[in-house]
C-alpha atoms as a PDB file:
ATOM      1  CA  MET A   1      27.456 -36.783 -27.504  1.00  0.00           C
ATOM      2  CA  ILE A   2      30.314 -38.570 -25.620  1.00  0.00           C
ATOM      3  CA  LEU A   3      32.966 -36.706 -27.848  1.00  0.00           C
ATOM      4  CA  TYR A   4      31.571 -33.440 -26.888  1.00  0.00           C
ATOM      5  CA  ASN A   5      32.114 -34.210 -23.549  1.00  0.00           C
ATOM      6  CA  VAL A   6      35.617 -35.450 -23.910  1.00  0.00           C
ATOM      7  CA  VAL A   7      36.543 -32.133 -25.661  1.00  0.00           C
ATOM      8  CA  GLY A   8      34.823 -30.222 -22.893  1.00  0.00           C
ATOM      9  CA  ALA A   9      31.204 -29.877 -23.108  1.00  0.00           C
ATOM     10  CA  ARG A  10      29.068 -29.941 -20.186  1.00  0.00           C
ATOM     11  CA  ALA A  11      25.890 -29.544 -21.913  1.00  0.00           C
ATOM     12  CA  ILE A  12      24.209 -30.406 -25.507  1.00  0.00           C
ATOM     13  CA  GLN A  13      21.528 -28.861 -27.411  1.00  0.00           C
ATOM     14  CA  ALA A  14      18.724 -31.330 -28.329  1.00  0.00           C
ATOM     15  CA  GLY A  15      15.546 -29.248 -28.455  1.00  0.00           C
ATOM     16  CA  ALA A  16      14.916 -29.844 -32.046  1.00  0.00           C
ATOM     17  CA  ALA A  17      15.167 -33.410 -31.716  1.00  0.00           C
ATOM     18  CA  ASN A  18      11.935 -33.526 -29.559  1.00  0.00           C
ATOM     19  CA  PHE A  19       9.819 -32.632 -32.332  1.00  0.00           C
ATOM     20  CA  ILE A  20      10.565 -35.946 -33.906  1.00  0.00           C
ATOM     21  CA  ASN A  21      11.312 -38.051 -30.807  1.00  0.00           C
ATOM     22  CA  PRO A  22       9.408 -36.473 -27.855  1.00  0.00           C
ATOM     23  CA  LYS A  23      11.826 -38.984 -25.434  1.00  0.00           C
ATOM     24  CA  THR A  24      15.015 -37.701 -27.019  1.00  0.00           C
ATOM     25  CA  ALA A  25      16.252 -36.462 -23.490  1.00  0.00           C
ATOM     26  CA  MET A  26      15.508 -39.331 -21.705  1.00  0.00           C
ATOM     27  CA  GLU A  27      17.266 -41.353 -24.334  1.00  0.00           C
ATOM     28  CA  ILE A  28      20.379 -39.370 -24.207  1.00  0.00           C
ATOM     29  CA  VAL A  29      20.407 -39.823 -20.364  1.00  0.00           C
ATOM     30  CA  HIS A  30      19.804 -43.697 -20.650  1.00  0.00           C
ATOM     31  CA  GLY A  31      22.528 -43.651 -23.141  1.00  0.00           C
ATOM     32  CA  LEU A  32      25.107 -41.894 -20.865  1.00  0.00           C
ATOM     33  CA  MET A  33      24.251 -44.342 -18.047  1.00  0.00           C
ATOM     34  CA  ASP A  34      24.884 -47.071 -20.024  1.00  0.00           C
ATOM     35  CA  PHE A  35      28.339 -45.781 -21.430  1.00  0.00           C
ATOM     36  CA  CYS A  36      29.309 -45.059 -17.899  1.00  0.00           C
ATOM     37  CA  SER A  37      28.531 -48.466 -16.974  1.00  0.00           C
ATOM     38  CA  ARG A  38      30.246 -49.999 -19.795  1.00  0.00           C
ATOM     39  CA  GLU A  39      33.325 -48.045 -19.338  1.00  0.00           C
ATOM     40  CA  LYS A  40      32.863 -48.558 -15.955  1.00  0.00           C
ATOM     41  CA  LEU A  41      32.916 -44.939 -14.913  1.00  0.00           C
ATOM     42  CA  SER A  42      31.071 -43.829 -11.429  1.00  0.00           C
ATOM     43  CA  ASN A  43      30.243 -40.256 -13.385  1.00  0.00           C
ATOM     44  CA  ILE A  44      30.455 -38.544 -16.498  1.00  0.00           C
ATOM     45  CA  ASN A  45      32.208 -35.717 -15.048  1.00  0.00           C
ATOM     46  CA  LEU A  46      35.425 -38.094 -15.220  1.00  0.00           C
ATOM     47  CA  ILE A  47      35.458 -37.718 -19.132  1.00  0.00           C
ATOM     48  CA  ILE A  48      34.631 -34.000 -19.546  1.00  0.00           C
ATOM     49  CA  GLY A  49      38.168 -32.282 -20.815  1.00  0.00           C
ATOM     50  CA  GLY A  50      39.538 -35.886 -21.251  1.00  0.00           C
ATOM     51  CA  SER A  51      41.015 -34.765 -24.582  1.00  0.00           C
ATOM     52  CA  LYS A  52      43.507 -32.454 -22.565  1.00  0.00           C
ATOM     53  CA  THR A  53      45.282 -35.744 -20.983  1.00  0.00           C
ATOM     54  CA  MET A  54      44.808 -37.962 -24.210  1.00  0.00           C
END
């Protein structure tokens, strides 16, 4: 997911994954929150489009 954000994505599609695991959306949210915490980011928007400056 993070790689999509770095290249500019603000949304991802995970609908089909919900058929296999109904908790997919919440796992994604928690994963993004954990990532932000580990990287000391106050907001996920700080990485959107980050590849332009890398």
